[in-house]
PDB file of N, CA and C in Angstrom:
ATOM      1  N   MET A   1      97.206 101.348 142.943  1.00  0.00           N
ATOM      2  CA  MET A   1      96.743 102.398 141.853  1.00  0.00           C
ATOM      3  C   MET A   1      95.461 101.498 141.366  1.00  0.00           C
ATOM      4  N   ILE A   2      94.653 102.168 141.290  1.00  0.00           N
ATOM      5  CA  ILE A   2      93.385 101.376 140.740  1.00  0.00           C
ATOM      6  C   ILE A   2      93.121 101.577 139.090  1.00  0.00           C
ATOM      7  N   ILE A   3      93.157 100.588 138.426  1.00  0.00           N
ATOM      8  CA  ILE A   3      92.870 100.871 137.134  1.00  0.00           C
ATOM      9  C   ILE A   3      91.569 100.644 136.559  1.00  0.00           C
ATOM     10  N   HIS A   4      90.591 101.730 136.092  1.00  0.00           N
ATOM     11  CA  HIS A   4      89.226 101.083 135.749  1.00  0.00           C
ATOM     12  C   HIS A   4      89.188 100.661 134.559  1.00  0.00           C
ATOM     13  N   SER A   5      88.003  99.790 134.313  1.00  0.00           N
ATOM     14  CA  SER A   5      87.870  99.065 133.082  1.00  0.00           C
ATOM     15  C   SER A   5      87.679  99.880 131.885  1.00  0.00           C
ATOM     16  N   THR A   6      87.157 101.249 132.084  1.00  0.00           N
ATOM     17  CA  THR A   6      86.953 102.370 130.852  1.00  0.00           C
ATOM     18  C   THR A   6      88.285 102.742 130.513  1.00  0.00           C
ATOM     19  N   THR A   7      89.275 102.657 131.502  1.00  0.00           N
ATOM     20  CA  THR A   7      90.623 103.090 130.737  1.00  0.00           C
ATOM     21  C   THR A   7      91.344 101.976 129.934  1.00  0.00           C
ATOM     22  N   ILE A   8      91.196 100.662 130.638  1.00  0.00           N
ATOM     23  CA  ILE A   8      91.433  99.644 129.826  1.00  0.00           C
ATOM     24  C   ILE A   8      91.048  99.241 128.401  1.00  0.00           C
ATOM     25  N   LEU A   9      89.479  99.825 128.337  1.00  0.00           N
ATOM     26  CA  LEU A   9      89.106  99.856 127.082  1.00  0.00           C
ATOM     27  C   LEU A   9      89.288 100.870 126.193  1.00  0.00           C
ATOM     28  N   SER A  10      89.699 102.115 126.699  1.00  0.00           N
ATOM     29  CA  SER A  10      89.882 103.250 125.907  1.00  0.00           C
ATOM     30  C   SER A  10      91.406 102.879 125.114  1.00  0.00           C
ATOM     31  N   VAL A  11      92.478 102.209 126.216  1.00  0.00           N
ATOM     32  CA  VAL A  11      93.957 101.896 125.740  1.00  0.00           C
ATOM     33  C   VAL A  11      93.712 100.568 124.604  1.00  0.00           C
ATOM     34  N   ILE A  12      92.991  99.924 124.833  1.00  0.00           N
ATOM     35  CA  ILE A  12      92.680  98.645 123.687  1.00  0.00           C
ATOM     36  C   ILE A  12      92.325  99.056 122.482  1.00  0.00           C
ATOM     37  N   LYS A  13      91.264 100.032 122.698  1.00  0.00           N
ATOM     38  CA  LYS A  13      90.467 100.768 121.269  1.00  0.00           C
ATOM     39  C   LYS A  13      91.734 101.692 120.541  1.00  0.00           C
ATOM     40  N   ILE A  14      92.325 102.358 121.139  1.00  0.00           N
ATOM     41  CA  ILE A  14      93.510 103.127 120.594  1.00  0.00           C
ATOM     42  C   ILE A  14      94.228 102.282 120.081  1.00  0.00           C
ATOM     43  N   LEU A  15      95.080 101.186 120.937  1.00  0.00           N
ATOM     44  CA  LEU A  15      96.165 100.226 120.383  1.00  0.00           C
ATOM     45  C   LEU A  15      95.416  99.475 119.006  1.00  0.00           C
ATOM     46  N   LEU A  16      94.240  99.277 118.802  1.00  0.00           N
ATOM     47  CA  LEU A  16      93.443  98.670 117.739  1.00  0.00           C
ATOM     48  C   LEU A  16      93.586  99.303 116.654  1.00  0.00           C
ATOM     49  N   PHE A  17      92.983 100.722 116.713  1.00  0.00           N
ATOM     50  CA  PHE A  17      92.951 101.656 115.811  1.00  0.00           C
ATOM     51  C   PHE A  17      94.271 102.086 115.334  1.00  0.00           C
ATOM     52  N   VAL A  18      95.294 102.416 116.077  1.00  0.00           N
ATOM     53  CA  VAL A  18      96.468 102.841 115.639  1.00  0.00           C
ATOM     54  C   VAL A  18      97.566 101.811 115.029  1.00  0.00           C
ATOM     55  N   SER A  19      97.118 100.364 115.163  1.00  0.00           N
ATOM     56  CA  SER A  19      97.801  99.455 114.600  1.00  0.00           C
ATOM     57  C   SER A  19      97.120  99.115 113.348  1.00  0.00           C
ATOM     58  N   LEU A  20      95.820  98.960 113.283  1.00  0.00           N
ATOM     59  CA  LEU A  20      95.310  98.876 112.089  1.00  0.00           C
ATOM     60  C   LEU A  20      95.674  99.879 110.973  1.00  0.00           C
ATOM     61  N   PHE A  21      95.560 101.075 111.382  1.00  0.00           N
ATOM     62  CA  PHE A  21      95.799 102.095 110.607  1.00  0.00           C
ATOM     63  C   PHE A  21      97.017 102.099 110.174  1.00  0.00           C
ATOM     64  N   PHE A  22      98.166 101.855 111.178  1.00  0.00           N
ATOM     65  CA  PHE A  22      99.570 101.895 110.523  1.00  0.00           C
ATOM     66  C   PHE A  22      99.563 100.825 109.464  1.00  0.00           C
ATOM     67  N   VAL A  23      99.157  99.581 109.758  1.00  0.00           N
ATOM     68  CA  VAL A  23      99.573  98.437 108.691  1.00  0.00           C
ATOM     69  C   VAL A  23      98.734  98.712 107.410  1.00  0.00           C
ATOM     70  N   TRP A  24      97.581  99.464 107.659  1.00  0.00           N
ATOM     71  CA  TRP A  24      96.805  99.395 106.370  1.00  0.00           C
ATOM     72  C   TRP A  24      97.103 100.759 105.781  1.00  0.00           C
ATOM     73  N   VAL A  25      97.594 101.684 106.136  1.00  0.00           N
ATOM     74  CA  VAL A  25      97.947 103.103 105.514  1.00  0.00           C
ATOM     75  C   VAL A  25      99.463 103.161 105.413  1.00  0.00           C
ATOM     76  N   VAL A  26     100.160 103.343 106.384  1.00  0.00           N
ATOM     77  CA  VAL A  26     101.475 103.512 106.427  1.00  0.00           C
ATOM     78  C   VAL A  26     102.583 102.699 105.697  1.00  0.00           C
ATOM     79  N   ARG A  27     102.007 101.391 105.884  1.00  0.00           N
ATOM     80  CA  ARG A  27     102.717 100.200 105.495  1.00  0.00           C
ATOM     81  C   ARG A  27     101.921  99.647 104.214  1.00  0.00           C
ATOM     82  N   TYR A  28     101.284 100.120 103.496  1.00  0.00           N
ATOM     83  CA  TYR A  28     100.097  99.756 102.537  1.00  0.00           C
ATOM     84  C   TYR A  28     100.976  98.994 101.442  1.00  0.00           C
ATOM     85  N   GLU A  29     102.284  99.383 101.192  1.00  0.00           N
ATOM     86  CA  GLU A  29     103.230  98.787 100.201  1.00  0.00           C
ATOM     87  C   GLU A  29     103.393  97.184 100.607  1.00  0.00           C
ATOM     88  N   ASN A  30     103.573  96.950 101.973  1.00  0.00           N
ATOM     89  CA  ASN A  30     103.814  95.604 102.293  1.00  0.00           C
ATOM     90  C   ASN A  30     102.564  94.697 102.313  1.00  0.00           C
ATOM     91  N   ILE A  31     101.355  95.510 102.347  1.00  0.00           N
ATOM     92  CA  ILE A  31     100.075  94.770 101.991  1.00  0.00           C
ATOM     93  C   ILE A  31      99.906  94.288 100.670  1.00  0.00           C
ATOM     94  N   LYS A  32     100.284  95.341  99.716  1.00  0.00           N
ATOM     95  CA  LYS A  32     100.253  95.275  98.143  1.00  0.00           C
ATOM     96  C   LYS A  32     100.811  93.525  98.297  1.00  0.00           C
ATOM     97  N   LYS A  33     102.300  93.748  98.578  1.00  0.00           N
ATOM     98  CA  LYS A  33     103.134  92.357  98.365  1.00  0.00           C
ATOM     99  C   LYS A  33     102.569  91.152  98.774  1.00  0.00           C
ATOM    100  N   GLU A  34     101.879  91.277  99.887  1.00  0.00           N
ATOM    101  CA  GLU A  34     101.324  89.962 100.632  1.00  0.00           C
ATOM    102  C   GLU A  34     100.140  89.603  99.831  1.00  0.00           C
ATOM    103  N   PHE A  35      99.262  90.307  99.370  1.00  0.00           N
ATOM    104  CA  PHE A  35      98.110  90.119  98.653  1.00  0.00           C
ATOM    105  C   PHE A  35      98.822  89.401  97.220  1.00  0.00           C
ATOM    106  N   ILE A  36      99.664  90.120  96.840  1.00  0.00           N
ATOM    107  CA  ILE A  36     100.232  89.272  95.306  1.00  0.00           C
ATOM    108  C   ILE A  36     100.604  88.189  95.390  1.00  0.00           C
ATOM    109  N   LEU A  37     101.479  87.973  96.924  1.00  0.00           N
ATOM    110  CA  LEU A  37     101.931  86.743  97.037  1.00  0.00           C
ATOM    111  C   LEU A  37     100.749  85.791  97.250  1.00  0.00           C
ATOM    112  N   TYR A  38      99.734  85.941  97.711  1.00  0.00           N
ATOM    113  CA  TYR A  38      98.746  84.971  98.094  1.00  0.00           C
ATOM    114  C   TYR A  38      97.675  84.843  97.078  1.00  0.00           C
ATOM    115  N   LYS A  39      98.218  85.546  95.874  1.00  0.00           N
ATOM    116  CA  LYS A  39      97.260  85.521  94.714  1.00  0.00           C
ATOM    117  C   LYS A  39      95.806  85.801  94.851  1.00  0.00           C
ATOM    118  N   PHE A  40      95.587  86.884  95.819  1.00  0.00           N
ATOM    119  CA  PHE A  40      94.400  87.529  95.827  1.00  0.00           C
ATOM    120  C   PHE A  40      94.300  88.776  94.875  1.00  0.00           C
ATOM    121  N   PRO A  41      93.067  89.002  94.589  1.00  0.00           N
ATOM    122  CA  PRO A  41      93.017  90.262  93.499  1.00  0.00           C
ATOM    123  C   PRO A  41      93.046  91.631  94.396  1.00  0.00           C
ATOM    124  N   ALA A  42      93.334  92.754  93.672  1.00  0.00           N
ATOM    125  CA  ALA A  42      93.494  93.961  94.063  1.00  0.00           C
ATOM    126  C   ALA A  42      92.228  94.590  94.829  1.00  0.00           C
ATOM    127  N   TRP A  43      91.012  94.182  94.112  1.00  0.00           N
ATOM    128  CA  TRP A  43      89.864  94.710  94.598  1.00  0.00           C
ATOM    129  C   TRP A  43      89.456  94.084  96.079  1.00  0.00           C
ATOM    130  N   LEU A  44      89.980  92.893  96.369  1.00  0.00           N
ATOM    131  CA  LEU A  44      89.776  92.482  97.750  1.00  0.00           C
ATOM    132  C   LEU A  44      90.713  92.826  98.621  1.00  0.00           C
ATOM    133  N   ARG A  45      91.933  93.304  98.260  1.00  0.00           N
ATOM    134  CA  ARG A  45      92.760  93.909  99.163  1.00  0.00           C
ATOM    135  C   ARG A  45      92.256  95.343  99.708  1.00  0.00           C
ATOM    136  N   ASP A  46      91.842  96.007  98.659  1.00  0.00           N
ATOM    137  CA  ASP A  46      91.033  97.496  98.751  1.00  0.00           C
ATOM    138  C   ASP A  46      89.841  97.279  99.779  1.00  0.00           C
ATOM    139  N   LEU A  47      88.934  96.386  99.447  1.00  0.00           N
ATOM    140  CA  LEU A  47      87.940  96.005 100.224  1.00  0.00           C
ATOM    141  C   LEU A  47      88.282  95.669 101.719  1.00  0.00           C
ATOM    142  N   VAL A  48      88.977  94.900 101.902  1.00  0.00           N
ATOM    143  CA  VAL A  48      89.585  94.475 103.508  1.00  0.00           C
ATOM    144  C   VAL A  48      90.131  95.591 103.845  1.00  0.00           C
ATOM    145  N   GLY A  49      91.007  96.448 103.244  1.00  0.00           N
ATOM    146  CA  GLY A  49      91.762  97.624 103.735  1.00  0.00           C
ATOM    147  C   GLY A  49      90.347  98.715 104.262  1.00  0.00           C
ATOM    148  N   ILE A  50      89.580  98.740 103.339  1.00  0.00           N
ATOM    149  CA  ILE A  50      88.466  99.784 103.575  1.00  0.00           C
ATOM    150  C   ILE A  50      87.652  99.395 104.872  1.00  0.00           C
ATOM    151  N   LEU A  51      87.419  97.958 104.917  1.00  0.00           N
ATOM    152  CA  LEU A  51      86.535  97.664 106.141  1.00  0.00           C
ATOM    153  C   LEU A  51      87.396  97.489 107.662  1.00  0.00           C
ATOM    154  N   LYS A  52      88.623  97.228 107.280  1.00  0.00           N
ATOM    155  CA  LYS A  52      89.615  97.432 108.528  1.00  0.00           C
ATOM    156  C   LYS A  52      89.450  98.787 109.135  1.00  0.00           C
ATOM    157  N   VAL A  53      89.720  99.704 108.418  1.00  0.00           N
ATOM    158  CA  VAL A  53      90.018 100.912 108.677  1.00  0.00           C
ATOM    159  C   VAL A  53      88.545 101.555 109.420  1.00  0.00           C
ATOM    160  N   SER A  54      87.361 101.300 108.478  1.00  0.00           N
ATOM    161  CA  SER A  54      86.112 101.694 108.813  1.00  0.00           C
ATOM    162  C   SER A  54      85.717 100.821 110.343  1.00  0.00           C
ATOM    163  N   PHE A  55      85.914  99.512 110.410  1.00  0.00           N
ATOM    164  CA  PHE A  55      85.610  99.104 111.510  1.00  0.00           C
ATOM    165  C   PHE A  55      86.330  99.477 112.909  1.00  0.00           C
ATOM    166  N   SER A  56      87.807  99.769 112.446  1.00  0.00           N
ATOM    167  CA  SER A  56      88.541 100.461 113.811  1.00  0.00           C
ATOM    168  C   SER A  56      88.261 101.593 114.086  1.00  0.00           C
ATOM    169  N   ILE A  57      87.397 102.410 112.870  1.00  0.00           N
ATOM    170  CA  ILE A  57      86.887 103.857 113.337  1.00  0.00           C
ATOM    171  C   ILE A  57      85.870 103.504 114.339  1.00  0.00           C
ATOM    172  N   MET A  58      84.787 102.686 114.038  1.00  0.00           N
ATOM    173  CA  MET A  58      83.893 102.413 114.634  1.00  0.00           C
ATOM    174  C   MET A  58      84.176 101.996 116.265  1.00  0.00           C
ATOM    175  N   ILE A  59      84.989 101.442 116.263  1.00  0.00           N
ATOM    176  CA  ILE A  59      85.368 101.013 117.692  1.00  0.00           C
ATOM    177  C   ILE A  59      85.923 102.140 118.535  1.00  0.00           C
ATOM    178  N   LEU A  60      86.268 103.093 118.107  1.00  0.00           N
ATOM    179  CA  LEU A  60      86.244 104.136 118.651  1.00  0.00           C
ATOM    180  C   LEU A  60      85.426 105.125 119.635  1.00  0.00           C
ATOM    181  N   PHE A  61      84.228 104.989 118.756  1.00  0.00           N
ATOM    182  CA  PHE A  61      82.876 105.704 119.211  1.00  0.00           C
ATOM    183  C   PHE A  61      82.661 105.019 120.680  1.00  0.00           C
ATOM    184  N   ASN A  62      81.940 105.771 121.497  1.00  0.00           N
ATOM    185  CA  ASN A  62      81.497 105.723 122.601  1.00  0.00           C
ATOM    186  C   ASN A  62      80.354 104.599 122.786  1.00  0.00           C
ATOM    187  N   ASP A  63      79.610 104.453 121.364  1.00  0.00           N
ATOM    188  CA  ASP A  63      78.466 103.967 121.364  1.00  0.00           C
ATOM    189  C   ASP A  63      78.478 102.509 121.461  1.00  0.00           C
ATOM    190  N   ASN A  64      78.159 101.753 122.363  1.00  0.00           N
ATOM    191  CA  ASN A  64      78.307 100.373 122.371  1.00  0.00           C
ATOM    192  C   ASN A  64      78.050  99.552 121.025  1.00  0.00           C
ATOM    193  N   TYR A  65      76.747  99.890 120.661  1.00  0.00           N
ATOM    194  CA  TYR A  65      76.494  99.194 119.357  1.00  0.00           C
ATOM    195  C   TYR A  65      77.326  99.609 118.296  1.00  0.00           C
ATOM    196  N   LEU A  66      77.872 100.312 118.027  1.00  0.00           N
ATOM    197  CA  LEU A  66      78.861 100.779 117.004  1.00  0.00           C
ATOM    198  C   LEU A  66      80.043  99.966 117.091  1.00  0.00           C
ATOM    199  N   SER A  67      80.479 100.030 118.513  1.00  0.00           N
ATOM    200  CA  SER A  67      81.892  99.376 118.653  1.00  0.00           C
ATOM    201  C   SER A  67      81.878  97.965 118.885  1.00  0.00           C
ATOM    202  N   THR A  68      80.875  97.387 118.943  1.00  0.00           N
ATOM    203  CA  THR A  68      80.446  95.856 118.886  1.00  0.00           C
ATOM    204  C   THR A  68      80.542  95.350 117.461  1.00  0.00           C
ATOM    205  N   ILE A  69      79.906  96.078 116.493  1.00  0.00           N
ATOM    206  CA  ILE A  69      79.847  95.940 115.236  1.00  0.00           C
ATOM    207  C   ILE A  69      81.553  95.919 114.629  1.00  0.00           C
ATOM    208  N   GLY A  70      82.107  96.916 115.121  1.00  0.00           N
ATOM    209  CA  GLY A  70      83.544  96.998 114.426  1.00  0.00           C
ATOM    210  C   GLY A  70      84.105  96.176 115.383  1.00  0.00           C
ATOM    211  N   CYS A  71      83.974  95.697 116.355  1.00  0.00           N
ATOM    212  CA  CYS A  71      84.671  94.487 116.950  1.00  0.00           C
ATOM    213  C   CYS A  71      84.499  93.169 116.260  1.00  0.00           C
ATOM    214  N   LEU A  72      83.225  93.040 115.968  1.00  0.00           N
ATOM    215  CA  LEU A  72      83.002  91.884 115.300  1.00  0.00           C
ATOM    216  C   LEU A  72      83.194  91.761 113.760  1.00  0.00           C
ATOM    217  N   GLY A  73      83.203  92.966 113.271  1.00  0.00           N
ATOM    218  CA  GLY A  73      83.592  92.817 111.953  1.00  0.00           C
ATOM    219  C   GLY A  73      85.592  92.846 111.843  1.00  0.00           C
ATOM    220  N   ILE A  74      86.190  93.354 112.375  1.00  0.00           N
ATOM    221  CA  ILE A  74      87.388  93.093 112.497  1.00  0.00           C
ATOM    222  C   ILE A  74      87.940  91.638 112.828  1.00  0.00           C
ATOM    223  N   LEU A  75      87.005  91.148 113.829  1.00  0.00           N
ATOM    224  CA  LEU A  75      87.207  89.854 114.423  1.00  0.00           C
ATOM    225  C   LEU A  75      86.886  88.939 113.018  1.00  0.00           C
ATOM    226  N   GLY A  76      85.831  88.964 112.121  1.00  0.00           N
ATOM    227  CA  GLY A  76      85.790  88.215 111.274  1.00  0.00           C
ATOM    228  C   GLY A  76      87.121  88.315 110.024  1.00  0.00           C
ATOM    229  N   LEU A  77      87.376  89.636 109.984  1.00  0.00           N
ATOM    230  CA  LEU A  77      88.546  89.758 109.129  1.00  0.00           C
ATOM    231  C   LEU A  77      89.905  88.891 109.578  1.00  0.00           C
ATOM    232  N   MET A  78      90.003  89.093 110.870  1.00  0.00           N
ATOM    233  CA  MET A  78      91.195  88.174 111.509  1.00  0.00           C
ATOM    234  C   MET A  78      91.024  86.716 111.132  1.00  0.00           C
ATOM    235  N   VAL A  79      89.866  86.326 111.361  1.00  0.00           N
ATOM    236  CA  VAL A  79      89.528  84.586 111.428  1.00  0.00           C
ATOM    237  C   VAL A  79      89.959  84.613 109.884  1.00  0.00           C
ATOM    238  N   GLY A  80      89.802  85.540 109.037  1.00  0.00           N
ATOM    239  CA  GLY A  80      89.993  85.079 107.559  1.00  0.00           C
ATOM    240  C   GLY A  80      91.542  85.200 107.343  1.00  0.00           C
ATOM    241  N   ALA A  81      91.945  86.063 108.113  1.00  0.00           N
ATOM    242  CA  ALA A  81      93.611  86.295 108.139  1.00  0.00           C
ATOM    243  C   ALA A  81      94.224  84.879 108.473  1.00  0.00           C
ATOM    244  N   ILE A  82      93.750  84.517 109.668  1.00  0.00           N
ATOM    245  CA  ILE A  82      94.358  83.243 110.398  1.00  0.00           C
ATOM    246  C   ILE A  82      94.163  82.151 109.192  1.00  0.00           C
ATOM    247  N   MET A  83      92.970  81.888 108.662  1.00  0.00           N
ATOM    248  CA  MET A  83      92.841  80.744 107.755  1.00  0.00           C
ATOM    249  C   MET A  83      93.584  80.918 106.568  1.00  0.00           C
ATOM    250  N   THR A  84      93.966  82.105 106.007  1.00  0.00           N
ATOM    251  CA  THR A  84      94.790  82.375 104.995  1.00  0.00           C
ATOM    252  C   THR A  84      96.336  81.952 105.097  1.00  0.00           C
ATOM    253  N   HIS A  85      96.392  82.153 106.621  1.00  0.00           N
ATOM    254  CA  HIS A  85      98.121  81.752 106.987  1.00  0.00           C
ATOM    255  C   HIS A  85      98.310  80.382 107.013  1.00  0.00           C
ATOM    256  N   LEU A  86      96.903  80.015 107.509  1.00  0.00           N
ATOM    257  CA  LEU A  86      96.977  78.314 107.670  1.00  0.00           C
ATOM    258  C   LEU A  86      97.035  77.629 106.339  1.00  0.00           C
ATOM    259  N   ARG A  87      96.191  78.180 105.428  1.00  0.00           N
ATOM    260  CA  ARG A  87      96.297  77.751 103.990  1.00  0.00           C
ATOM    261  C   ARG A  87      97.713  77.679 103.325  1.00  0.00           C
ATOM    262  N   MET A  88      98.246  78.758 103.434  1.00  0.00           N
ATOM    263  CA  MET A  88      99.455  79.132 102.995  1.00  0.00           C
ATOM    264  C   MET A  88     100.799  78.489 103.697  1.00  0.00           C
ATOM    265  N   LYS A  89     100.302  77.712 104.680  1.00  0.00           N
ATOM    266  CA  LYS A  89     101.370  76.962 105.648  1.00  0.00           C
ATOM    267  C   LYS A  89     102.543  77.944 106.010  1.00  0.00           C
ATOM    268  N   ASN A  90     102.067  79.310 106.299  1.00  0.00           N
ATOM    269  CA  ASN A  90     102.919  80.391 107.001  1.00  0.00           C
ATOM    270  C   ASN A  90     103.465  79.960 108.364  1.00  0.00           C
ATOM    271  N   PRO A  91     104.692  80.126 108.644  1.00  0.00           N
ATOM    272  CA  PRO A  91     105.158  79.780 109.963  1.00  0.00           C
ATOM    273  C   PRO A  91     104.190  80.557 111.040  1.00  0.00           C
ATOM    274  N   PHE A  92     104.366  80.143 112.094  1.00  0.00           N
ATOM    275  CA  PHE A  92     103.368  80.684 112.954  1.00  0.00           C
ATOM    276  C   PHE A  92     103.642  82.004 113.498  1.00  0.00           C
ATOM    277  N   GLN A  93     104.843  82.644 113.174  1.00  0.00           N
ATOM    278  CA  GLN A  93     105.332  83.993 113.918  1.00  0.00           C
ATOM    279  C   GLN A  93     104.652  85.036 112.764  1.00  0.00           C
ATOM    280  N   LYS A  94     104.014  84.479 111.536  1.00  0.00           N
ATOM    281  CA  LYS A  94     103.206  85.257 110.588  1.00  0.00           C
ATOM    282  C   LYS A  94     101.778  85.585 111.207  1.00  0.00           C
ATOM    283  N   MET A  95     101.253  84.430 111.851  1.00  0.00           N
ATOM    284  CA  MET A  95      99.900  84.627 112.275  1.00  0.00           C
ATOM    285  C   MET A  95      99.968  85.501 113.898  1.00  0.00           C
ATOM    286  N   ILE A  96     101.006  85.844 114.528  1.00  0.00           N
ATOM    287  CA  ILE A  96     101.020  86.315 115.528  1.00  0.00           C
ATOM    288  C   ILE A  96     100.170  87.629 115.668  1.00  0.00           C
ATOM    289  N   PRO A  97     100.402  88.508 114.733  1.00  0.00           N
ATOM    290  CA  PRO A  97      99.597  89.790 114.605  1.00  0.00           C
ATOM    291  C   PRO A  97      98.002  89.475 114.576  1.00  0.00           C
ATOM    292  N   ALA A  98      97.601  88.511 113.616  1.00  0.00           N
ATOM    293  CA  ALA A  98      96.126  88.384 113.518  1.00  0.00           C
ATOM    294  C   ALA A  98      95.584  87.524 114.943  1.00  0.00           C
ATOM    295  N   LEU A  99      96.477  86.698 115.610  1.00  0.00           N
ATOM    296  CA  LEU A  99      96.089  86.298 116.724  1.00  0.00           C
ATOM    297  C   LEU A  99      95.892  87.151 118.136  1.00  0.00           C
ATOM    298  N   SER A 100      96.881  88.126 117.923  1.00  0.00           N
ATOM    299  CA  SER A 100      97.097  88.879 119.230  1.00  0.00           C
ATOM    300  C   SER A 100      95.678  90.263 118.813  1.00  0.00           C
ATOM    301  N   LEU A 101      95.761  90.514 117.629  1.00  0.00           N
ATOM    302  CA  LEU A 101      94.227  91.435 117.382  1.00  0.00           C
ATOM    303  C   LEU A 101      93.064  90.785 117.926  1.00  0.00           C
ATOM    304  N   SER A 102      92.997  89.569 117.464  1.00  0.00           N
ATOM    305  CA  SER A 102      92.034  88.559 118.026  1.00  0.00           C
ATOM    306  C   SER A 102      91.785  88.536 119.630  1.00  0.00           C
ATOM    307  N   THR A 103      92.963  88.383 120.075  1.00  0.00           N
ATOM    308  CA  THR A 103      92.652  88.393 121.514  1.00  0.00           C
ATOM    309  C   THR A 103      92.255  89.708 122.127  1.00  0.00           C
ATOM    310  N   MET A 104      92.748  90.906 121.572  1.00  0.00           N
ATOM    311  CA  MET A 104      92.194  92.182 122.290  1.00  0.00           C
ATOM    312  C   MET A 104      90.873  92.401 121.869  1.00  0.00           C
ATOM    313  N   LEU A 105      90.476  92.092 120.742  1.00  0.00           N
ATOM    314  CA  LEU A 105      89.047  92.306 120.205  1.00  0.00           C
ATOM    315  C   LEU A 105      88.175  91.556 121.318  1.00  0.00           C
ATOM    316  N   LEU A 106      88.283  90.210 121.316  1.00  0.00           N
ATOM    317  CA  LEU A 106      87.750  89.290 122.438  1.00  0.00           C
ATOM    318  C   LEU A 106      87.590  90.024 123.786  1.00  0.00           C
ATOM    319  N   LEU A 107      88.758  90.500 124.384  1.00  0.00           N
ATOM    320  CA  LEU A 107      88.680  91.209 125.583  1.00  0.00           C
ATOM    321  C   LEU A 107      87.865  92.512 125.475  1.00  0.00           C
ATOM    322  N   LEU A 108      88.172  93.209 124.494  1.00  0.00           N
ATOM    323  CA  LEU A 108      87.154  94.450 124.502  1.00  0.00           C
ATOM    324  C   LEU A 108      85.748  93.989 124.223  1.00  0.00           C
ATOM    325  N   LEU A 109      85.479  93.194 123.529  1.00  0.00           N
ATOM    326  CA  LEU A 109      83.825  92.601 123.625  1.00  0.00           C
ATOM    327  C   LEU A 109      83.570  91.898 124.821  1.00  0.00           C
ATOM    328  N   TYR A 110      84.453  91.144 125.599  1.00  0.00           N
ATOM    329  CA  TYR A 110      84.136  90.682 126.657  1.00  0.00           C
ATOM    330  C   TYR A 110      84.050  92.039 127.946  1.00  0.00           C
ATOM    331  N   LEU A 111      84.865  93.204 127.731  1.00  0.00           N
ATOM    332  CA  LEU A 111      84.708  94.070 129.016  1.00  0.00           C
ATOM    333  C   LEU A 111      83.549  94.916 128.628  1.00  0.00           C
ATOM    334  N   SER A 112      83.106  94.937 127.276  1.00  0.00           N
ATOM    335  CA  SER A 112      82.196  96.074 126.950  1.00  0.00           C
ATOM    336  C   SER A 112      80.843  95.749 127.119  1.00  0.00           C
TER     337      SER A 112
END
């Protein structure tokens, strides 16, 4: 069985969108608690959420330019998340979602 790179790209794009939507919309109460714990303002939490959902929607488009902007935007936010986890001295398992999303984004950028 041969799997084409377009199929892999589509699966990665959908996984990224669904995971970010789930965390920032369905589990928004958890995000609110985390931002309070990290002593970040509510406006920053909302801005990050809007950017993540917007960038993840951009990734779904077939336009390579929009998809690249979406990937780079989320990748920048993931770097910020990893730096926050390091600053807060969180255990490694708290960084796994940001690291796995970053890996998928880098793979998406490489394949597209």
